[in-house]
Amino acid sequence: RKTDAGVILLADCGGKLDGVCGLEMGADDCVSVPFNPRELRARVRNLVAKTRALRQMGSSISANSLVRFGGWEFDLDRRQLLSPQGEPARLTGGEFALLAALIANPGRVLSREWLLEQISSKGLASTSRSVDVCIAQLRRKLADDPRCPALIITVHGVGYRFSAEVT
């Protein structure tokens, strides 16, 4: 919570809950032991790219890392999202990066391809569908009804627009 360093959990998946618990506690990714070194390198590259993008986006949001929208508070420094009731919402690394990208560009239509670059490392097998899944997860966590969203608007055939006022 006090650093923007990424966390990859190496878990012995004899008990499948170890990885889940680690992710729920805030790890960005989880790799089962024993692991393929090539897979771990790819995951590290992915996380480094996300962290770098977050730093760049963070400086473009404001000098103050606390952003408010629709009753929510998004703190880049603490990597924390607080609900209007003050409850922390748990975000994966990809969800965090995606929300940071949306908030950094309020009102702009962002293509799925550009958003995909913000949440994944080049060279890894990801598709624009990954963005759609991540948006669906964000909407669920933000209680943004997908049938009539108020915060993250779908621009069919193009991408998404963050429509909330950012302060």
N, C-alpha and C. Protein backbone atom coordinates (compact mmCIF):
# COMPACT_ATOMS: atom_id res chain seq x y z
N ARG A 1 0.80 -1.21 0.00
CA ARG A 1 0.00 0.00 0.00
C ARG A 1 0.84 1.26 0.00
N LYS A 2 2.09 1.16 0.42
CA LYS A 2 2.94 2.34 0.54
C LYS A 2 3.91 2.48 -0.61
N THR A 3 3.84 1.63 -1.60
CA THR A 3 4.76 1.69 -2.71
C THR A 3 4.03 1.35 -4.00
N ASP A 4 4.59 1.77 -5.11
CA ASP A 4 3.99 1.40 -6.39
C ASP A 4 4.67 0.18 -6.98
N ALA A 5 5.50 -0.49 -6.18
CA ALA A 5 6.16 -1.71 -6.65
C ALA A 5 5.12 -2.80 -6.87
N GLY A 6 5.29 -3.55 -7.92
CA GLY A 6 4.38 -4.65 -8.20
C GLY A 6 4.75 -5.86 -7.35
N VAL A 7 3.76 -6.71 -7.09
CA VAL A 7 3.97 -7.90 -6.28
C VAL A 7 3.49 -9.12 -7.05
N ILE A 8 4.42 -10.06 -7.26
CA ILE A 8 4.06 -11.34 -7.86
C ILE A 8 4.25 -12.39 -6.79
N LEU A 9 3.20 -13.11 -6.49
CA LEU A 9 3.22 -14.12 -5.45
C LEU A 9 3.58 -15.47 -6.06
N LEU A 10 4.57 -16.13 -5.48
CA LEU A 10 4.91 -17.49 -5.87
C LEU A 10 4.26 -18.40 -4.84
N ALA A 11 3.30 -19.22 -5.26
CA ALA A 11 2.52 -20.02 -4.32
C ALA A 11 2.58 -21.49 -4.66
N ASP A 12 2.71 -22.30 -3.63
CA ASP A 12 2.60 -23.75 -3.77
C ASP A 12 1.12 -24.04 -3.84
N CYS A 13 0.66 -24.40 -5.00
CA CYS A 13 -0.78 -24.55 -5.20
C CYS A 13 -1.31 -25.91 -4.81
N GLY A 14 -0.65 -26.56 -3.84
CA GLY A 14 -1.24 -27.76 -3.27
C GLY A 14 -2.57 -27.37 -2.65
N GLY A 15 -2.58 -26.21 -2.01
CA GLY A 15 -3.81 -25.60 -1.51
C GLY A 15 -4.13 -24.43 -2.41
N LYS A 16 -5.12 -24.56 -3.26
CA LYS A 16 -5.45 -23.53 -4.28
C LYS A 16 -5.76 -22.17 -3.65
N LEU A 17 -6.14 -22.15 -2.38
CA LEU A 17 -6.53 -20.88 -1.77
C LEU A 17 -5.36 -19.97 -1.48
N ASP A 18 -4.12 -20.50 -1.44
CA ASP A 18 -2.96 -19.65 -1.18
C ASP A 18 -2.87 -18.52 -2.19
N GLY A 19 -2.98 -18.85 -3.46
CA GLY A 19 -2.91 -17.84 -4.51
C GLY A 19 -4.07 -16.88 -4.45
N VAL A 20 -5.27 -17.39 -4.20
CA VAL A 20 -6.46 -16.55 -4.12
C VAL A 20 -6.33 -15.57 -2.95
N CYS A 21 -5.91 -16.07 -1.80
CA CYS A 21 -5.74 -15.20 -0.63
C CYS A 21 -4.71 -14.11 -0.91
N GLY A 22 -3.62 -14.48 -1.55
CA GLY A 22 -2.59 -13.51 -1.89
C GLY A 22 -3.12 -12.43 -2.81
N LEU A 23 -3.90 -12.81 -3.81
CA LEU A 23 -4.48 -11.83 -4.73
C LEU A 23 -5.48 -10.94 -4.00
N GLU A 24 -6.26 -11.52 -3.09
CA GLU A 24 -7.22 -10.73 -2.33
C GLU A 24 -6.53 -9.74 -1.40
N MET A 25 -5.32 -10.08 -0.96
CA MET A 25 -4.57 -9.19 -0.09
C MET A 25 -3.84 -8.09 -0.86
N GLY A 26 -3.86 -8.16 -2.19
CA GLY A 26 -3.30 -7.07 -2.98
C GLY A 26 -2.18 -7.44 -3.92
N ALA A 27 -1.77 -8.71 -3.97
CA ALA A 27 -0.75 -9.09 -4.94
C ALA A 27 -1.28 -8.81 -6.35
N ASP A 28 -0.39 -8.44 -7.25
CA ASP A 28 -0.79 -8.13 -8.63
C ASP A 28 -0.94 -9.38 -9.48
N ASP A 29 -0.21 -10.43 -9.14
CA ASP A 29 -0.23 -11.65 -9.94
C ASP A 29 0.19 -12.82 -9.06
N CYS A 30 -0.07 -14.02 -9.53
CA CYS A 30 0.28 -15.22 -8.77
C CYS A 30 0.79 -16.28 -9.75
N VAL A 31 1.89 -16.93 -9.38
CA VAL A 31 2.46 -17.99 -10.20
C VAL A 31 2.56 -19.23 -9.33
N SER A 32 2.13 -20.36 -9.86
CA SER A 32 2.17 -21.63 -9.12
C SER A 32 3.58 -22.22 -9.15
N VAL A 33 3.99 -22.76 -8.02
CA VAL A 33 5.28 -23.44 -7.91
C VAL A 33 5.02 -24.92 -8.11
N PRO A 34 5.78 -25.65 -8.88
CA PRO A 34 6.91 -25.18 -9.69
C PRO A 34 6.40 -24.38 -10.88
N PHE A 35 7.24 -23.48 -11.37
CA PHE A 35 6.83 -22.60 -12.45
C PHE A 35 7.83 -22.68 -13.61
N ASN A 36 7.35 -22.25 -14.76
CA ASN A 36 8.18 -22.17 -15.96
C ASN A 36 8.91 -20.82 -15.91
N PRO A 37 10.23 -20.80 -15.93
CA PRO A 37 10.97 -19.53 -15.86
C PRO A 37 10.57 -18.54 -16.96
N ARG A 38 10.24 -19.03 -18.12
CA ARG A 38 9.83 -18.14 -19.22
C ARG A 38 8.50 -17.46 -18.88
N GLU A 39 7.59 -18.22 -18.26
CA GLU A 39 6.31 -17.63 -17.85
C GLU A 39 6.53 -16.55 -16.80
N LEU A 40 7.40 -16.83 -15.82
CA LEU A 40 7.68 -15.84 -14.78
C LEU A 40 8.29 -14.57 -15.37
N ARG A 41 9.23 -14.72 -16.31
CA ARG A 41 9.83 -13.54 -16.97
C ARG A 41 8.76 -12.72 -17.69
N ALA A 42 7.83 -13.41 -18.38
CA ALA A 42 6.76 -12.71 -19.09
C ALA A 42 5.86 -11.95 -18.11
N ARG A 43 5.56 -12.58 -16.99
CA ARG A 43 4.71 -11.93 -15.99
C ARG A 43 5.42 -10.73 -15.36
N VAL A 44 6.73 -10.85 -15.13
CA VAL A 44 7.49 -9.73 -14.58
C VAL A 44 7.50 -8.58 -15.59
N ARG A 45 7.76 -8.88 -16.87
CA ARG A 45 7.75 -7.83 -17.90
C ARG A 45 6.39 -7.13 -17.94
N ASN A 46 5.32 -7.91 -17.85
CA ASN A 46 3.97 -7.37 -17.86
C ASN A 46 3.75 -6.42 -16.69
N LEU A 47 4.15 -6.86 -15.51
CA LEU A 47 3.95 -6.04 -14.31
C LEU A 47 4.81 -4.78 -14.35
N VAL A 48 6.03 -4.87 -14.84
CA VAL A 48 6.89 -3.70 -14.96
C VAL A 48 6.26 -2.69 -15.92
N ALA A 49 5.71 -3.16 -17.02
CA ALA A 49 5.07 -2.26 -17.99
C ALA A 49 3.86 -1.57 -17.37
N LYS A 50 3.07 -2.32 -16.62
CA LYS A 50 1.90 -1.72 -15.95
C LYS A 50 2.33 -0.67 -14.95
N THR A 51 3.34 -0.99 -14.15
CA THR A 51 3.83 -0.06 -13.12
C THR A 51 4.37 1.21 -13.77
N ARG A 52 5.11 1.06 -14.85
CA ARG A 52 5.66 2.22 -15.57
C ARG A 52 4.52 3.09 -16.12
N ALA A 53 3.51 2.45 -16.70
CA ALA A 53 2.37 3.20 -17.24
C ALA A 53 1.63 3.94 -16.13
N LEU A 54 1.49 3.29 -14.98
CA LEU A 54 0.81 3.93 -13.85
C LEU A 54 1.57 5.16 -13.37
N ARG A 55 2.88 5.06 -13.33
CA ARG A 55 3.68 6.22 -12.91
C ARG A 55 3.46 7.39 -13.87
N GLN A 56 3.47 7.09 -15.17
CA GLN A 56 3.27 8.14 -16.17
C GLN A 56 1.88 8.73 -16.06
N MET A 57 0.87 7.86 -15.88
CA MET A 57 -0.50 8.35 -15.75
C MET A 57 -0.69 9.12 -14.47
N GLY A 58 -0.04 8.64 -13.42
CA GLY A 58 -0.18 9.30 -12.12
C GLY A 58 0.27 10.74 -12.17
N SER A 59 1.35 11.01 -12.86
CA SER A 59 1.83 12.38 -12.95
C SER A 59 0.93 13.23 -13.81
N SER A 60 0.19 12.61 -14.73
CA SER A 60 -0.70 13.39 -15.58
C SER A 60 -2.05 13.66 -14.92
N ILE A 61 -2.41 12.89 -13.90
CA ILE A 61 -3.69 13.13 -13.24
C ILE A 61 -3.62 14.42 -12.45
N SER A 62 -2.66 14.51 -11.56
CA SER A 62 -2.46 15.74 -10.77
C SER A 62 -1.25 15.56 -9.88
N ALA A 63 -0.79 16.68 -9.34
CA ALA A 63 0.31 16.60 -8.39
C ALA A 63 -0.17 15.86 -7.14
N ASN A 64 -1.44 16.04 -6.81
CA ASN A 64 -2.05 15.33 -5.69
C ASN A 64 -2.56 14.00 -6.24
N SER A 65 -2.19 12.92 -5.61
CA SER A 65 -2.54 11.61 -6.16
C SER A 65 -3.94 11.16 -5.80
N LEU A 66 -4.68 11.95 -5.04
CA LEU A 66 -6.04 11.57 -4.65
C LEU A 66 -7.03 12.18 -5.64
N VAL A 67 -7.81 11.31 -6.27
CA VAL A 67 -8.80 11.74 -7.26
C VAL A 67 -10.17 11.29 -6.79
N ARG A 68 -11.15 12.18 -6.94
CA ARG A 68 -12.53 11.85 -6.55
C ARG A 68 -13.42 11.85 -7.78
N PHE A 69 -14.34 10.87 -7.81
CA PHE A 69 -15.32 10.81 -8.90
C PHE A 69 -16.54 10.05 -8.40
N GLY A 70 -17.72 10.58 -8.64
CA GLY A 70 -18.97 9.90 -8.30
C GLY A 70 -19.02 9.37 -6.87
N GLY A 71 -18.42 10.07 -5.93
CA GLY A 71 -18.41 9.62 -4.54
C GLY A 71 -17.25 8.71 -4.19
N TRP A 72 -16.55 8.21 -5.19
CA TRP A 72 -15.40 7.31 -4.99
C TRP A 72 -14.14 8.13 -4.80
N GLU A 73 -13.15 7.56 -4.10
CA GLU A 73 -11.82 8.16 -3.96
C GLU A 73 -10.80 7.17 -4.48
N PHE A 74 -9.95 7.65 -5.41
CA PHE A 74 -8.92 6.82 -6.03
C PHE A 74 -7.58 7.42 -5.67
N ASP A 75 -6.78 6.68 -4.90
CA ASP A 75 -5.49 7.17 -4.43
C ASP A 75 -4.37 6.40 -5.14
N LEU A 76 -3.69 7.08 -6.05
CA LEU A 76 -2.61 6.44 -6.80
C LEU A 76 -1.43 6.05 -5.93
N ASP A 77 -1.07 6.91 -4.98
CA ASP A 77 0.08 6.61 -4.13
C ASP A 77 -0.16 5.38 -3.27
N ARG A 78 -1.34 5.25 -2.73
CA ARG A 78 -1.66 4.12 -1.88
C ARG A 78 -2.20 2.93 -2.67
N ARG A 79 -2.41 3.14 -3.97
CA ARG A 79 -2.99 2.10 -4.83
C ARG A 79 -4.29 1.60 -4.22
N GLN A 80 -5.17 2.57 -3.91
CA GLN A 80 -6.39 2.24 -3.20
C GLN A 80 -7.59 2.94 -3.80
N LEU A 81 -8.70 2.21 -3.85
CA LEU A 81 -9.97 2.76 -4.28
C LEU A 81 -10.95 2.61 -3.12
N LEU A 82 -11.53 3.75 -2.69
CA LEU A 82 -12.49 3.73 -1.58
C LEU A 82 -13.88 4.03 -2.11
N SER A 83 -14.85 3.24 -1.67
CA SER A 83 -16.25 3.42 -2.07
C SER A 83 -16.80 4.69 -1.43
N PRO A 84 -17.98 5.14 -1.88
CA PRO A 84 -18.60 6.31 -1.24
C PRO A 84 -18.84 6.10 0.26
N GLN A 85 -18.92 4.85 0.71
CA GLN A 85 -19.11 4.54 2.14
C GLN A 85 -17.76 4.44 2.87
N GLY A 86 -16.66 4.63 2.16
CA GLY A 86 -15.34 4.57 2.77
C GLY A 86 -14.73 3.18 2.82
N GLU A 87 -15.37 2.21 2.19
CA GLU A 87 -14.87 0.83 2.17
C GLU A 87 -13.86 0.66 1.04
N PRO A 88 -12.74 -0.02 1.29
CA PRO A 88 -11.78 -0.26 0.21
C PRO A 88 -12.31 -1.28 -0.80
N ALA A 89 -12.13 -0.99 -2.07
CA ALA A 89 -12.49 -1.93 -3.14
C ALA A 89 -11.20 -2.57 -3.62
N ARG A 90 -11.16 -3.87 -3.68
CA ARG A 90 -9.95 -4.58 -4.11
C ARG A 90 -9.90 -4.62 -5.64
N LEU A 91 -8.79 -4.13 -6.17
CA LEU A 91 -8.58 -4.11 -7.61
C LEU A 91 -7.36 -4.95 -7.96
N THR A 92 -7.45 -5.67 -9.06
CA THR A 92 -6.28 -6.37 -9.58
C THR A 92 -5.36 -5.33 -10.19
N GLY A 93 -4.14 -5.72 -10.52
CA GLY A 93 -3.22 -4.80 -11.16
C GLY A 93 -3.76 -4.25 -12.47
N GLY A 94 -4.39 -5.13 -13.26
CA GLY A 94 -4.96 -4.70 -14.53
C GLY A 94 -6.12 -3.74 -14.34
N GLU A 95 -6.99 -4.01 -13.37
CA GLU A 95 -8.12 -3.12 -13.10
C GLU A 95 -7.62 -1.76 -12.63
N PHE A 96 -6.60 -1.78 -11.78
CA PHE A 96 -6.03 -0.53 -11.29
C PHE A 96 -5.46 0.30 -12.45
N ALA A 97 -4.68 -0.35 -13.32
CA ALA A 97 -4.09 0.34 -14.46
C ALA A 97 -5.16 0.88 -15.40
N LEU A 98 -6.20 0.08 -15.62
CA LEU A 98 -7.27 0.50 -16.52
C LEU A 98 -8.03 1.69 -15.94
N LEU A 99 -8.36 1.63 -14.65
CA LEU A 99 -9.07 2.74 -14.02
C LEU A 99 -8.20 4.00 -14.02
N ALA A 100 -6.91 3.86 -13.75
CA ALA A 100 -6.01 5.01 -13.79
C ALA A 100 -5.98 5.63 -15.19
N ALA A 101 -5.96 4.80 -16.22
CA ALA A 101 -5.95 5.31 -17.59
C ALA A 101 -7.25 6.05 -17.91
N LEU A 102 -8.36 5.50 -17.48
CA LEU A 102 -9.67 6.13 -17.73
C LEU A 102 -9.76 7.47 -17.00
N ILE A 103 -9.36 7.48 -15.73
CA ILE A 103 -9.44 8.70 -14.92
C ILE A 103 -8.50 9.78 -15.46
N ALA A 104 -7.35 9.38 -15.99
CA ALA A 104 -6.39 10.33 -16.53
C ALA A 104 -6.89 10.99 -17.81
N ASN A 105 -7.93 10.40 -18.40
CA ASN A 105 -8.46 10.90 -19.68
C ASN A 105 -9.97 11.05 -19.63
N PRO A 106 -10.52 11.79 -18.65
CA PRO A 106 -11.98 11.89 -18.53
C PRO A 106 -12.60 12.53 -19.77
N GLY A 107 -13.69 11.94 -20.21
CA GLY A 107 -14.41 12.48 -21.36
C GLY A 107 -13.87 12.06 -22.72
N ARG A 108 -12.64 11.54 -22.77
CA ARG A 108 -12.05 11.11 -24.04
C ARG A 108 -12.43 9.68 -24.33
N VAL A 109 -12.69 9.38 -25.59
CA VAL A 109 -12.92 8.00 -26.00
C VAL A 109 -11.56 7.34 -26.18
N LEU A 110 -11.34 6.27 -25.44
CA LEU A 110 -10.07 5.54 -25.48
C LEU A 110 -10.30 4.21 -26.19
N SER A 111 -9.50 3.94 -27.19
CA SER A 111 -9.67 2.71 -27.96
C SER A 111 -9.29 1.50 -27.12
N ARG A 112 -9.88 0.37 -27.46
CA ARG A 112 -9.54 -0.88 -26.78
C ARG A 112 -8.05 -1.18 -26.93
N GLU A 113 -7.49 -0.89 -28.09
CA GLU A 113 -6.08 -1.16 -28.34
C GLU A 113 -5.19 -0.33 -27.43
N TRP A 114 -5.51 0.96 -27.26
CA TRP A 114 -4.73 1.82 -26.38
C TRP A 114 -4.85 1.35 -24.94
N LEU A 115 -6.07 1.02 -24.52
CA LEU A 115 -6.28 0.53 -23.16
C LEU A 115 -5.55 -0.79 -22.93
N LEU A 116 -5.52 -1.64 -23.97
CA LEU A 116 -4.82 -2.91 -23.85
C LEU A 116 -3.33 -2.68 -23.59
N GLU A 117 -2.76 -1.67 -24.23
CA GLU A 117 -1.35 -1.34 -24.00
C GLU A 117 -1.13 -0.92 -22.55
N GLN A 118 -2.14 -0.31 -21.95
CA GLN A 118 -1.99 0.16 -20.58
C GLN A 118 -2.04 -0.98 -19.56
N ILE A 119 -2.67 -2.09 -19.94
CA ILE A 119 -2.82 -3.19 -18.97
C ILE A 119 -1.98 -4.42 -19.29
N SER A 120 -1.28 -4.41 -20.41
CA SER A 120 -0.47 -5.59 -20.73
C SER A 120 0.85 -5.19 -21.36
N SER A 121 1.78 -6.09 -21.27
CA SER A 121 3.10 -5.87 -21.84
C SER A 121 3.10 -6.28 -23.31
N LYS A 122 3.87 -5.57 -24.11
CA LYS A 122 3.97 -5.94 -25.52
C LYS A 122 4.59 -7.32 -25.66
N GLY A 123 4.11 -8.07 -26.62
CA GLY A 123 4.67 -9.39 -26.87
C GLY A 123 3.92 -10.51 -26.17
N LEU A 124 3.02 -10.16 -25.25
CA LEU A 124 2.24 -11.21 -24.59
C LEU A 124 0.91 -11.38 -25.32
N ALA A 125 0.40 -12.58 -25.27
CA ALA A 125 -0.85 -12.89 -25.95
C ALA A 125 -2.02 -12.30 -25.18
N SER A 126 -2.49 -11.14 -25.58
CA SER A 126 -3.68 -10.52 -25.02
C SER A 126 -4.50 -9.99 -26.17
N THR A 127 -5.79 -9.84 -25.91
CA THR A 127 -6.68 -9.35 -26.95
C THR A 127 -7.50 -8.20 -26.40
N SER A 128 -8.19 -7.50 -27.28
CA SER A 128 -9.05 -6.42 -26.83
C SER A 128 -10.18 -6.97 -25.97
N ARG A 129 -10.45 -8.25 -26.08
CA ARG A 129 -11.45 -8.88 -25.21
C ARG A 129 -11.00 -8.81 -23.74
N SER A 130 -9.69 -8.83 -23.50
CA SER A 130 -9.17 -8.69 -22.14
C SER A 130 -9.62 -7.36 -21.54
N VAL A 131 -9.63 -6.32 -22.36
CA VAL A 131 -10.08 -5.00 -21.91
C VAL A 131 -11.56 -5.07 -21.56
N ASP A 132 -12.36 -5.71 -22.41
CA ASP A 132 -13.80 -5.82 -22.15
C ASP A 132 -14.07 -6.54 -20.83
N VAL A 133 -13.33 -7.61 -20.57
CA VAL A 133 -13.50 -8.36 -19.33
C VAL A 133 -13.12 -7.49 -18.14
N CYS A 134 -12.02 -6.78 -18.26
CA CYS A 134 -11.55 -5.91 -17.18
C CYS A 134 -12.55 -4.77 -16.93
N ILE A 135 -13.12 -4.22 -17.99
CA ILE A 135 -14.14 -3.17 -17.85
C ILE A 135 -15.36 -3.73 -17.12
N ALA A 136 -15.79 -4.94 -17.48
CA ALA A 136 -16.94 -5.57 -16.81
C ALA A 136 -16.66 -5.74 -15.32
N GLN A 137 -15.45 -6.17 -14.98
CA GLN A 137 -15.09 -6.34 -13.57
C GLN A 137 -15.08 -4.99 -12.84
N LEU A 138 -14.54 -3.96 -13.49
CA LEU A 138 -14.53 -2.63 -12.89
C LEU A 138 -15.94 -2.12 -12.67
N ARG A 139 -16.80 -2.28 -13.67
CA ARG A 139 -18.18 -1.83 -13.52
C ARG A 139 -18.86 -2.52 -12.35
N ARG A 140 -18.61 -3.82 -12.21
CA ARG A 140 -19.21 -4.56 -11.10
C ARG A 140 -18.72 -4.00 -9.76
N LYS A 141 -17.42 -3.76 -9.67
CA LYS A 141 -16.85 -3.26 -8.41
C LYS A 141 -17.29 -1.83 -8.13
N LEU A 142 -17.51 -1.03 -9.18
CA LEU A 142 -17.95 0.35 -9.01
C LEU A 142 -19.48 0.46 -8.94
N ALA A 143 -20.17 -0.68 -8.98
CA ALA A 143 -21.63 -0.71 -8.98
C ALA A 143 -22.18 0.14 -10.12
N ASP A 144 -21.54 0.06 -11.26
CA ASP A 144 -21.92 0.80 -12.46
C ASP A 144 -22.71 -0.16 -13.35
N ASP A 145 -24.02 -0.04 -13.37
CA ASP A 145 -24.90 -0.97 -14.08
C ASP A 145 -24.48 -1.09 -15.55
N PRO A 146 -24.08 -2.30 -16.00
CA PRO A 146 -23.62 -2.46 -17.38
C PRO A 146 -24.71 -2.19 -18.42
N ARG A 147 -25.98 -2.31 -18.03
CA ARG A 147 -27.07 -2.03 -18.97
C ARG A 147 -27.28 -0.54 -19.17
N CYS A 148 -26.91 0.24 -18.15
CA CYS A 148 -27.05 1.70 -18.22
C CYS A 148 -25.92 2.33 -17.41
N PRO A 149 -24.68 2.20 -17.88
CA PRO A 149 -23.54 2.69 -17.10
C PRO A 149 -23.51 4.21 -17.00
N ALA A 150 -23.06 4.68 -15.83
CA ALA A 150 -22.94 6.12 -15.61
C ALA A 150 -21.48 6.57 -15.56
N LEU A 151 -20.57 5.64 -15.23
CA LEU A 151 -19.17 6.01 -15.08
C LEU A 151 -18.33 5.65 -16.30
N ILE A 152 -18.44 4.41 -16.76
CA ILE A 152 -17.64 3.93 -17.88
C ILE A 152 -18.59 3.62 -19.04
N ILE A 153 -18.56 4.47 -20.04
CA ILE A 153 -19.48 4.37 -21.18
C ILE A 153 -18.82 3.61 -22.32
N THR A 154 -19.56 2.66 -22.89
CA THR A 154 -19.08 1.93 -24.06
C THR A 154 -19.35 2.76 -25.31
N VAL A 155 -18.33 2.94 -26.12
CA VAL A 155 -18.48 3.58 -27.42
C VAL A 155 -18.32 2.44 -28.43
N HIS A 156 -19.45 1.93 -28.91
CA HIS A 156 -19.46 0.72 -29.72
C HIS A 156 -18.53 0.82 -30.93
N GLY A 157 -17.74 -0.23 -31.09
CA GLY A 157 -16.81 -0.31 -32.21
C GLY A 157 -15.52 0.45 -32.00
N VAL A 158 -15.42 1.18 -30.88
CA VAL A 158 -14.22 2.00 -30.66
C VAL A 158 -13.55 1.63 -29.34
N GLY A 159 -14.25 1.87 -28.23
CA GLY A 159 -13.65 1.64 -26.92
C GLY A 159 -14.53 2.12 -25.80
N TYR A 160 -13.94 2.89 -24.88
CA TYR A 160 -14.64 3.31 -23.68
C TYR A 160 -14.32 4.77 -23.35
N ARG A 161 -15.27 5.40 -22.64
CA ARG A 161 -15.11 6.79 -22.20
C ARG A 161 -15.46 6.86 -20.73
N PHE A 162 -14.61 7.52 -19.93
CA PHE A 162 -14.89 7.73 -18.53
C PHE A 162 -15.70 9.02 -18.42
N SER A 163 -16.95 8.93 -17.95
CA SER A 163 -17.84 10.08 -18.02
C SER A 163 -18.02 10.82 -16.71
N ALA A 164 -17.49 10.29 -15.61
CA ALA A 164 -17.66 10.97 -14.33
C ALA A 164 -16.78 12.21 -14.26
N GLU A 165 -17.24 13.20 -13.50
CA GLU A 165 -16.42 14.38 -13.27
C GLU A 165 -15.32 14.02 -12.28
N VAL A 166 -14.09 14.35 -12.65
CA VAL A 166 -12.93 14.03 -11.83
C VAL A 166 -12.47 15.28 -11.12
N THR A 167 -12.32 15.17 -9.78
CA THR A 167 -11.87 16.34 -8.99
C THR A 167 -10.67 15.96 -8.17
